[in-house]
Protein backbone atom coordinates (compact mmCIF):
# COMPACT_ATOMS: atom_id res chain seq x y z
CA MET A 1 -17.98 7.28 -5.42
CA SER A 2 -19.23 8.99 -8.57
CA SER A 3 -20.19 6.78 -11.51
CA LEU A 4 -17.24 8.19 -13.47
CA ILE A 5 -14.80 7.15 -10.75
CA GLN A 6 -16.48 3.74 -10.48
CA ASP A 7 -16.03 3.10 -14.20
CA SER A 8 -12.43 4.27 -14.16
CA ALA A 9 -11.61 2.29 -11.03
CA ARG A 10 -13.20 -0.89 -12.30
CA ALA A 11 -10.98 -0.73 -15.35
CA GLY A 12 -7.94 -0.11 -13.19
CA ALA A 13 -7.46 3.16 -15.02
CA SER A 14 -6.21 6.54 -13.88
CA VAL A 15 -8.87 7.62 -11.42
CA GLY A 16 -9.76 11.27 -11.86
CA LEU A 17 -7.21 11.81 -14.66
CA LYS A 18 -7.99 13.17 -18.11
CA GLY A 19 -4.51 12.36 -19.33
CA ASP A 20 -1.42 10.47 -18.26
CA ARG A 21 1.10 13.29 -18.42
CA MET A 22 1.61 16.40 -16.30
CA THR A 23 3.59 19.57 -16.83
CA ILE A 24 4.67 20.92 -13.46
CA ASN A 25 6.05 24.37 -12.77
CA GLY A 26 8.02 23.79 -9.57
CA GLY A 27 9.27 25.95 -6.76
CA ARG A 28 5.93 26.81 -5.12
CA PRO A 29 5.30 25.75 -1.52
CA LEU A 30 2.34 23.43 -1.07
CA SER A 31 -0.03 24.85 1.50
CA GLY A 32 -3.53 23.97 2.63
CA ARG A 33 -5.60 21.05 3.89
CA ILE A 34 -6.34 17.66 2.36
CA GLU A 35 -8.40 14.75 3.71
CA LEU A 36 -7.49 11.08 3.89
CA LYS A 37 -9.73 8.08 3.49
CA GLY A 38 -9.02 4.45 4.30
CA ALA A 39 -5.67 2.77 3.74
CA LYS A 40 -5.11 1.11 0.38
CA ASN A 41 -3.32 -1.70 2.20
CA LEU A 42 -6.37 -2.37 4.37
CA VAL A 43 -9.42 -1.54 2.26
CA THR A 44 -8.70 -4.00 -0.53
CA LYS A 45 -8.16 -6.83 1.99
CA ALA A 46 -11.34 -5.87 3.88
CA MET A 47 -13.26 -6.17 0.62
CA VAL A 48 -11.90 -9.70 0.14
CA ALA A 49 -12.86 -10.57 3.74
CA ALA A 50 -16.50 -9.88 2.85
CA LEU A 51 -16.40 -13.14 0.83
CA LEU A 52 -16.21 -15.05 4.11
CA GLY A 53 -19.46 -13.69 5.50
CA GLU A 54 -22.91 -15.21 5.12
CA THR A 55 -24.56 -11.79 5.36
CA PRO A 56 -23.72 -8.45 3.68
CA SER A 57 -20.91 -6.17 4.85
CA VAL A 58 -20.54 -2.39 4.91
CA LEU A 59 -17.11 -0.78 4.48
CA ARG A 60 -16.66 2.93 5.12
CA ASP A 61 -14.02 5.49 4.10
CA VAL A 62 -13.24 3.58 0.90
CA PRO A 63 -10.91 5.66 -1.30
CA ALA A 64 -11.59 6.14 -5.00
CA ILE A 65 -8.39 4.46 -6.20
CA SER A 66 -7.90 2.05 -9.05
CA ASP A 67 -6.84 -0.85 -6.79
CA VAL A 68 -10.28 -0.68 -5.18
CA GLY A 69 -11.76 -0.88 -8.66
CA VAL A 70 -9.72 -4.00 -9.41
CA VAL A 71 -10.95 -5.78 -6.28
CA ARG A 72 -14.50 -4.63 -6.92
CA GLY A 73 -14.38 -6.13 -10.39
CA LEU A 74 -12.95 -9.42 -9.09
CA LEU A 75 -15.66 -9.65 -6.44
CA GLU A 76 -18.38 -8.97 -8.99
CA VAL A 77 -17.21 -11.68 -11.40
CA HIS A 78 -17.39 -14.07 -8.44
CA GLY A 79 -21.03 -13.18 -7.83
CA VAL A 80 -20.63 -10.63 -5.01
CA LYS A 81 -23.02 -7.72 -5.34
CA VAL A 82 -21.09 -4.49 -4.72
CA SER A 83 -23.03 -1.25 -4.45
CA ASP A 84 -22.36 2.30 -3.29
CA GLY A 85 -23.89 3.65 -0.10
CA ASP A 86 -25.68 6.96 0.28
CA ALA A 87 -22.53 8.63 1.66
CA GLU A 88 -19.27 9.07 -0.23
CA GLY A 89 -16.77 6.27 0.30
CA VAL A 90 -19.28 3.67 1.52
CA LEU A 91 -19.49 0.23 -0.10
CA HIS A 92 -22.08 -2.49 0.48
CA LEU A 93 -20.84 -6.00 -0.28
CA ASP A 94 -23.34 -8.87 -0.51
CA PRO A 95 -21.71 -12.33 -0.92
CA SER A 96 -24.98 -14.31 -0.93
CA ASN A 97 -24.48 -15.61 -4.47
CA VAL A 98 -20.76 -16.36 -4.64
CA GLU A 99 -19.89 -18.46 -7.67
CA SER A 100 -16.91 -19.65 -9.67
CA ALA A 101 -15.63 -17.19 -12.23
CA ASN A 102 -14.33 -17.73 -15.73
CA PHE A 103 -10.53 -17.50 -16.04
CA VAL A 104 -10.82 -14.90 -18.80
CA ASP A 105 -12.94 -12.66 -16.57
CA ILE A 106 -10.56 -13.05 -13.62
CA ASP A 107 -7.55 -12.25 -15.77
CA ALA A 108 -9.27 -9.23 -17.33
CA HIS A 109 -10.12 -7.69 -13.96
CA ALA A 110 -6.89 -8.58 -12.16
CA GLY A 111 -4.73 -6.40 -14.39
CA SER A 112 -1.33 -5.85 -12.75
CA SER A 113 -2.68 -6.27 -9.20
CA ARG A 114 -1.34 -8.90 -6.80
CA ILE A 115 -4.55 -8.98 -4.76
CA PRO A 116 -6.07 -12.11 -6.44
CA ILE A 117 -3.83 -14.41 -4.37
CA LEU A 118 -5.77 -13.35 -1.25
CA PHE A 119 -9.05 -14.53 -2.78
CA CYS A 120 -7.87 -18.14 -2.56
CA GLY A 121 -8.58 -18.95 1.09
CA PRO A 122 -12.09 -17.42 1.12
CA LEU A 123 -12.98 -19.00 -2.24
CA LEU A 124 -11.74 -22.41 -1.12
CA HIS A 125 -14.07 -22.12 1.87
CA ARG A 126 -17.04 -20.93 -0.19
CA LEU A 127 -16.60 -22.92 -3.40
CA GLY A 128 -13.95 -25.57 -2.78
CA GLU A 129 -11.79 -24.19 -5.56
CA ALA A 130 -9.98 -21.04 -6.68
CA PHE A 131 -7.99 -19.84 -9.68
CA ILE A 132 -5.55 -16.96 -9.99
CA PRO A 133 -3.69 -15.64 -13.05
CA ASP A 134 -0.07 -14.56 -13.13
CA LEU A 135 0.42 -11.74 -10.63
CA GLY A 136 1.70 -8.23 -11.32
CA GLY A 137 2.25 -5.28 -9.02
CA CYS A 138 4.92 -2.60 -8.75
CA ARG A 139 8.38 -3.71 -9.85
CA ILE A 140 10.23 -3.03 -6.63
CA GLY A 141 11.53 -6.51 -5.88
CA ASP A 142 10.89 -10.19 -6.26
CA ARG A 143 7.82 -10.34 -3.98
CA PRO A 144 7.34 -14.09 -4.58
CA ILE A 145 4.04 -15.83 -3.84
CA ASP A 146 5.82 -18.91 -2.53
CA TYR A 147 4.83 -17.97 1.05
CA HIS A 148 1.19 -17.86 0.00
CA LEU A 149 1.23 -21.19 -1.81
CA GLU A 150 3.04 -22.93 1.04
CA VAL A 151 0.56 -21.47 3.53
CA LEU A 152 -2.39 -22.75 1.54
CA ARG A 153 -0.80 -26.19 1.25
CA ASN A 154 -0.38 -26.25 5.03
CA PHE A 155 -4.14 -25.80 5.33
CA GLY A 156 -4.78 -28.73 3.00
CA ALA A 157 -5.13 -26.98 -0.35
CA VAL A 158 -4.02 -28.79 -3.49
CA VAL A 159 -2.05 -26.39 -5.67
CA GLU A 160 -1.72 -27.00 -9.41
CA LYS A 161 0.42 -24.70 -11.53
CA LEU A 162 -0.88 -24.24 -15.08
CA PRO A 163 0.50 -22.23 -18.01
CA SER A 164 -2.30 -19.70 -17.51
CA GLY A 165 -2.00 -19.41 -13.74
CA ILE A 166 -2.58 -21.42 -10.57
CA ARG A 167 -5.59 -23.61 -9.75
CA MET A 168 -6.35 -24.64 -6.18
CA SER A 169 -8.82 -27.07 -4.66
CA ALA A 170 -9.68 -28.37 -1.19
CA PRO A 171 -11.08 -31.89 -1.65
CA ASN A 172 -10.95 -32.59 2.09
CA GLY A 173 -11.68 -29.08 3.32
CA LEU A 174 -9.23 -26.73 5.02
CA HIS A 175 -7.78 -27.51 8.43
CA GLY A 176 -5.93 -25.47 11.05
CA ALA A 177 -2.15 -25.55 10.80
CA LYS A 178 1.08 -24.43 12.41
CA VAL A 179 2.72 -21.86 10.18
CA ALA A 180 6.11 -20.23 10.71
CA LEU A 181 7.04 -17.46 8.28
CA PRO A 182 10.76 -17.01 7.57
CA TYR A 183 10.07 -13.27 7.23
CA PRO A 184 7.11 -11.27 8.64
CA SER A 185 5.44 -10.87 5.27
CA VAL A 186 2.30 -8.73 5.32
CA GLY A 187 0.72 -10.59 2.42
CA ALA A 188 1.41 -14.04 3.85
CA THR A 189 0.03 -12.96 7.24
CA GLU A 190 -3.14 -11.75 5.54
CA GLN A 191 -3.35 -15.06 3.70
CA VAL A 192 -3.21 -17.00 6.95
CA LEU A 193 -5.86 -14.83 8.59
CA LEU A 194 -8.28 -15.02 5.68
CA THR A 195 -7.84 -18.79 5.44
CA ALA A 196 -7.64 -19.81 9.10
CA VAL A 197 -10.79 -18.09 10.39
CA ARG A 198 -13.03 -20.76 8.85
CA ALA A 199 -10.59 -23.68 8.82
CA ASP A 200 -11.35 -26.66 11.02
CA GLY A 201 -9.28 -26.43 14.22
CA ILE A 202 -6.68 -24.03 15.59
CA THR A 203 -4.02 -22.22 13.58
CA GLU A 204 -0.81 -20.87 15.07
CA LEU A 205 1.13 -18.35 13.03
CA ARG A 206 4.67 -17.49 14.09
CA GLY A 207 6.73 -14.68 12.58
CA ALA A 208 3.59 -12.74 11.70
CA ALA A 209 3.48 -9.19 10.44
CA ILE A 210 1.79 -6.85 12.94
CA GLU A 211 1.32 -3.68 10.86
CA PRO A 212 -1.65 -1.47 11.83
CA GLU A 213 -3.42 -2.60 8.66
CA ILE A 214 -3.05 -6.22 9.81
CA MET A 215 -4.50 -5.35 13.19
CA ASP A 216 -7.42 -3.56 11.55
CA LEU A 217 -8.08 -6.63 9.38
CA ILE A 218 -8.13 -8.67 12.59
CA ASN A 219 -10.65 -6.17 14.00
CA ILE A 220 -12.85 -6.75 10.96
CA LEU A 221 -12.62 -10.53 11.20
CA GLN A 222 -13.45 -10.42 14.90
CA LYS A 223 -16.54 -8.33 14.11
CA MET A 224 -17.52 -11.12 11.70
CA GLY A 225 -17.29 -13.74 14.45
CA ALA A 226 -13.65 -14.89 14.23
CA ILE A 227 -11.66 -15.85 17.33
CA ILE A 228 -8.14 -14.39 17.04
CA SER A 229 -5.48 -13.62 19.67
CA VAL A 230 -2.23 -11.71 19.13
CA ASP A 231 0.81 -12.25 21.34
CA THR A 232 3.69 -9.81 21.79
CA ASP A 233 6.19 -12.15 20.11
CA ARG A 234 4.63 -12.01 16.61
CA VAL A 235 2.46 -15.06 17.27
CA ILE A 236 -1.17 -15.01 16.13
CA ARG A 237 -3.57 -17.80 17.06
CA ILE A 238 -6.84 -18.33 15.21
CA GLU A 239 -9.57 -20.72 16.31
CA GLY A 240 -11.59 -21.67 13.26
CA VAL A 241 -15.36 -21.21 13.32
CA ASP A 242 -18.11 -22.79 11.21
CA ALA A 243 -19.60 -19.55 9.91
CA LEU A 244 -19.00 -15.81 9.81
CA SER A 245 -21.40 -12.91 9.37
CA GLY A 246 -20.87 -9.61 7.59
CA TYR A 247 -19.27 -6.54 9.16
CA ASP A 248 -19.78 -2.80 9.41
CA HIS A 249 -16.39 -1.09 9.62
CA ARG A 250 -14.67 2.24 9.07
CA ALA A 251 -11.24 1.63 7.57
CA LEU A 252 -8.01 2.76 9.17
CA PHE A 253 -6.59 5.94 7.59
CA ASP A 254 -3.86 5.64 4.97
CA ARG A 255 -0.62 6.30 6.87
CA ASN A 256 1.43 5.91 3.68
CA GLU A 257 -0.43 8.73 2.01
CA ALA A 258 -0.10 10.82 5.17
CA ALA A 259 3.69 10.37 5.15
CA SER A 260 3.83 11.24 1.46
CA TRP A 261 2.10 14.59 1.97
CA ALA A 262 4.27 15.23 5.02
CA ALA A 263 7.37 14.75 2.86
CA ALA A 264 5.85 17.03 0.21
CA ALA A 265 5.41 19.79 2.80
CA LEU A 266 9.05 19.46 3.85
CA ALA A 267 10.49 19.30 0.33
CA THR A 268 8.53 22.30 -0.96
CA ASN A 269 8.91 24.49 2.15
CA GLY A 270 5.19 24.09 2.58
CA ASP A 271 2.52 23.67 5.24
CA ILE A 272 -0.03 20.85 4.83
CA PHE A 273 -2.76 19.77 7.22
CA VAL A 274 -3.48 16.08 6.65
CA GLY A 275 -7.02 15.52 7.86
CA GLY A 276 -7.69 12.06 9.28
CA ALA A 277 -4.06 11.26 10.12
CA ARG A 278 -3.45 9.96 13.65
CA GLN A 279 -0.40 9.97 15.88
CA PRO A 280 -0.25 6.33 17.13
CA GLU A 281 0.13 4.78 13.68
CA MET A 282 2.60 7.51 12.62
CA LEU A 283 4.81 7.39 15.72
CA THR A 284 7.98 6.07 14.05
CA PHE A 285 7.61 8.39 11.07
CA LEU A 286 7.05 11.42 13.29
CA ASN A 287 10.26 10.72 15.21
CA VAL A 288 12.30 10.66 12.00
CA TYR A 289 10.46 13.69 10.62
CA ARG A 290 11.39 15.66 13.72
CA LYS A 291 15.04 14.55 13.49
CA VAL A 292 15.18 15.80 9.89
CA GLY A 293 13.91 19.16 11.11
CA GLY A 294 10.30 18.98 10.02
CA GLY A 295 7.58 20.54 12.13
CA PHE A 296 4.28 18.93 13.02
CA GLU A 297 1.29 19.54 15.26
CA ILE A 298 -1.07 16.82 16.45
CA HIS A 299 -4.78 17.69 16.37
CA ASP A 300 -7.89 15.65 17.06
CA ASP A 301 -8.86 15.70 13.38
CA GLY A 302 -5.44 15.30 11.79
CA ILE A 303 -1.78 16.31 11.74
CA ARG A 304 -0.26 19.53 10.43
CA PHE A 305 3.12 19.04 8.71
CA PHE A 306 5.28 22.05 7.85
CA HIS A 307 8.78 23.28 7.09
CA PRO A 308 9.70 25.49 10.09
CA GLY A 309 12.46 27.33 8.23
CA GLY A 310 16.20 26.95 8.47
CA GLU A 311 18.34 24.01 7.42
CA LEU A 312 17.16 20.41 7.35
CA ASN A 313 19.28 17.75 9.07
CA PRO A 314 20.74 14.59 7.55
CA VAL A 315 19.62 11.28 9.08
CA ILE A 316 20.38 7.58 8.95
CA ILE A 317 17.31 5.44 8.26
CA GLU A 318 16.88 1.69 8.08
CA THR A 319 13.53 0.50 6.77
CA ASP A 320 11.93 -2.43 8.54
CA VAL A 321 8.63 -4.15 9.19
CA HIS A 322 6.33 -2.57 11.78
CA PRO A 323 7.07 -1.03 14.23
CA GLY A 324 10.12 -0.01 12.22
CA PHE A 325 10.34 2.71 9.56
CA MET A 326 8.11 1.66 6.68
CA THR A 327 9.59 0.99 3.27
CA ASP A 328 6.74 3.00 1.71
CA TRP A 329 7.83 6.04 3.70
CA GLN A 330 11.43 6.15 2.53
CA GLN A 331 10.88 7.10 -1.12
CA PRO A 332 9.05 10.41 -0.57
CA LEU A 333 11.31 11.25 2.37
CA VAL A 334 14.42 10.73 0.22
CA VAL A 335 13.27 13.69 -1.87
CA ALA A 336 13.16 15.88 1.24
CA LEU A 337 16.59 14.57 2.29
CA THR A 338 18.10 15.99 -0.91
CA LYS A 339 17.43 19.38 0.75
CA ALA A 340 19.18 18.45 4.02
CA THR A 341 22.64 19.82 4.78
CA GLY A 342 25.02 16.88 5.06
CA VAL A 343 25.00 13.18 4.26
CA SER A 344 21.98 10.95 4.85
CA ILE A 345 21.96 7.16 4.56
CA VAL A 346 18.90 5.03 3.80
CA HIS A 347 19.26 1.26 4.15
CA GLU A 348 16.34 -0.58 2.51
CA THR A 349 15.75 -4.01 4.07
CA VAL A 350 12.20 -4.83 2.88
CA TYR A 351 12.32 -4.63 -0.93
CA GLU A 352 15.60 -5.22 -2.67
CA GLN A 353 14.99 -3.00 -5.72
CA ARG A 354 13.32 0.08 -4.32
CA PHE A 355 15.94 2.64 -5.31
CA GLY A 356 15.28 2.63 -9.05
CA PHE A 357 13.38 5.89 -8.61
CA VAL A 358 16.53 7.83 -7.61
CA ASP A 359 17.84 7.88 -11.21
CA ALA A 360 15.33 10.61 -12.01
CA LEU A 361 16.32 12.55 -8.90
CA VAL A 362 19.97 12.45 -9.96
CA GLU A 363 18.98 13.72 -13.38
CA MET A 364 17.25 16.60 -11.61
CA GLY A 365 20.43 17.53 -9.76
CA ALA A 366 20.38 15.39 -6.63
CA THR A 367 23.61 13.81 -5.37
CA ILE A 368 22.65 10.21 -4.57
CA GLN A 369 24.79 7.11 -4.71
CA VAL A 370 23.29 3.64 -4.43
CA HIS A 371 25.37 0.77 -3.02
CA LYS A 372 25.17 -3.02 -2.74
CA GLU A 373 26.51 -3.00 0.81
CA CYS A 374 24.35 -2.78 3.96
CA LEU A 375 25.07 0.79 5.08
CA GLY A 376 24.01 2.56 8.22
CA GLY A 377 22.92 -0.41 10.29
CA GLN A 378 22.93 -4.16 10.72
CA ALA A 379 23.54 -6.53 7.83
CA CYS A 380 20.22 -7.51 6.25
CA ARG A 381 18.95 -10.41 4.12
CA PHE A 382 19.98 -8.56 0.94
CA GLY A 383 23.64 -8.31 1.95
CA GLN A 384 26.12 -10.10 -0.33
CA ARG A 385 23.36 -10.64 -2.91
CA ASN A 386 24.37 -7.80 -5.25
CA PHE A 387 21.19 -5.78 -4.77
CA LYS A 388 21.65 -2.01 -4.68
CA HIS A 389 19.71 -1.45 -1.50
CA SER A 390 21.56 1.34 0.34
CA ALA A 391 21.45 4.98 -0.70
CA VAL A 392 23.76 7.84 0.30
CA ILE A 393 22.17 11.28 -0.18
CA SER A 394 24.41 14.37 -0.05
CA GLY A 395 22.86 17.78 0.24
CA PRO A 396 21.57 20.31 0.01
CA SER A 397 20.86 19.99 -3.71
CA ARG A 398 18.99 22.47 -5.91
CA LEU A 399 16.74 20.31 -8.04
CA HIS A 400 15.81 21.47 -11.54
CA GLY A 401 13.03 20.43 -13.87
CA ALA A 402 13.34 17.33 -16.04
CA ASP A 403 11.38 14.81 -18.10
CA ILE A 404 10.35 11.94 -15.83
CA VAL A 405 8.59 8.61 -16.39
CA VAL A 406 6.82 7.28 -13.30
CA PRO A 407 8.14 3.77 -12.48
CA ASP A 408 5.82 2.64 -9.67
CA LEU A 409 3.30 3.87 -7.12
CA ARG A 410 5.44 5.28 -4.27
CA GLY A 411 8.36 6.19 -6.54
CA GLY A 412 5.91 7.99 -8.80
CA PHE A 413 4.53 10.16 -6.03
CA SER A 414 8.11 10.87 -4.97
CA HIS A 415 8.83 12.09 -8.49
CA LEU A 416 5.85 14.43 -8.23
CA ILE A 417 7.27 15.82 -4.98
CA ALA A 418 10.64 16.33 -6.66
CA ALA A 419 9.08 18.12 -9.62
CA LEU A 420 7.00 20.32 -7.31
CA SER A 421 10.09 21.31 -5.31
CA ALA A 422 12.39 21.81 -8.30
CA GLU A 423 13.23 25.02 -10.10
CA GLY A 424 11.73 25.20 -13.57
CA VAL A 425 9.40 22.97 -15.55
CA SER A 426 9.12 19.18 -15.38
CA HIS A 427 7.17 16.84 -17.64
CA VAL A 428 5.98 13.76 -15.74
CA SER A 429 4.43 10.90 -17.71
CA ASN A 430 2.75 7.63 -16.71
CA VAL A 431 1.19 9.39 -13.72
CA GLY A 432 -1.84 7.08 -13.90
CA ILE A 433 0.06 4.57 -11.77
CA ILE A 434 -0.18 6.98 -8.85
CA SER A 435 -3.97 6.61 -8.82
CA ARG A 436 -3.50 3.02 -7.62
CA GLY A 437 -2.93 4.31 -4.10
CA TYR A 438 -3.56 8.07 -3.92
CA GLU A 439 -7.18 9.13 -4.08
CA ASN A 440 -7.94 12.26 -6.13
CA PHE A 441 -4.31 13.36 -5.91
CA ILE A 442 -4.84 15.78 -8.78
CA ASN A 443 -7.60 17.58 -6.89
CA LYS A 444 -5.50 17.58 -3.73
CA LEU A 445 -2.57 19.16 -5.57
CA GLU A 446 -4.93 21.88 -6.79
CA GLN A 447 -6.17 22.46 -3.25
CA LEU A 448 -2.57 22.88 -2.08
CA GLY A 449 -1.73 25.45 -4.75
CA ALA A 450 0.47 23.36 -7.05
CA ASP A 451 1.16 24.86 -10.48
CA PHE A 452 0.58 22.17 -13.12
CA VAL A 453 -1.29 21.26 -16.28
CA LEU A 454 -2.70 17.86 -17.23
CA GLU A 455 -2.03 16.86 -20.82
CA ALA A 456 -4.26 14.62 -22.88
């Protein structure tokens, strides 16, 4: 990473942005090639895992995104030496001098990120205590940390809630436990893994999330010396070990970013080659993409996504945990579905408030209705709870330019896609949020021929 990107990322700022507002002249197909680095949802957790090692770790394909900067800052205030490798996207993490950090420093570096909760297990092992401030993150649902706190209690942690945050200690050490999650939460699964690998005894986790990013984290922990087995029925067993070493690992590609660019190709009648994307992790998305009418070609070095011409087809989608259709995929795809001929239904079952972004699409001319009922599939845990979690999209719609304020990471990128596909000029503000998970997206838009101007 360049020093400029490091400084921006450490502050959690808009990586690569000179301003926080864009003027977009829509209606031009996006065409060209972009390259992916490691997944946001894996890289930040891999950085935390380095805390568990007694020797340095090397992480490759690290994207220059602000969430990486947040974790880097949190590691550094805890005494981890983080340095850049000779090649782009390589981080060296040396945890030899881990120490307790001042609350003010933790709070300053955490920003709106929810990642600090995952520091707790490793810090309890290394220091016997941990502290986290109030957690932020995108406002797409409740996303409570109750799972995390209960998990840590199961391992023997003492949890004390304070006005400024949460303090944890492990006066008797951490011990293996039987954990059953009521929902296959990715974050809670990561918490168990990062805590159990050095806990005394065997841990059994039932109802685990099994996303590719989870499996890649398990790969990293096994490289470090962990003993972990994964059954087909969402059961993960971890045999605690006394010590772990560092790792050398190339991160899994970002399948969420890949799907976002694929949706952009479809919505703008474009043709985008996404370098680094792989078929196995995209299987479910590719099936839906083909049903909608999108074209794709699988290559050894990536996937080409394109609009083949003709009408797009309406579909019924129900988001779910892996191997289902990812919740992070639905927002950008909804933009493409506004171009489909007929009625599409998207039933969101992972986050209860993920359709706030459609208000801007409606303002731009889309015909979208959001309902409280479970539409298009089985009743989900949000049914009868008055959450608007089902969307009906009627098309095709001719989107027009508008003034848009980015609400969250995935919704924000979806708004960019809408503005790029719309007729006329759009003004999109608060675009800095997008840099949390999309590396150098401004440069990538330029490479693809987008017509826009950044405003100071």
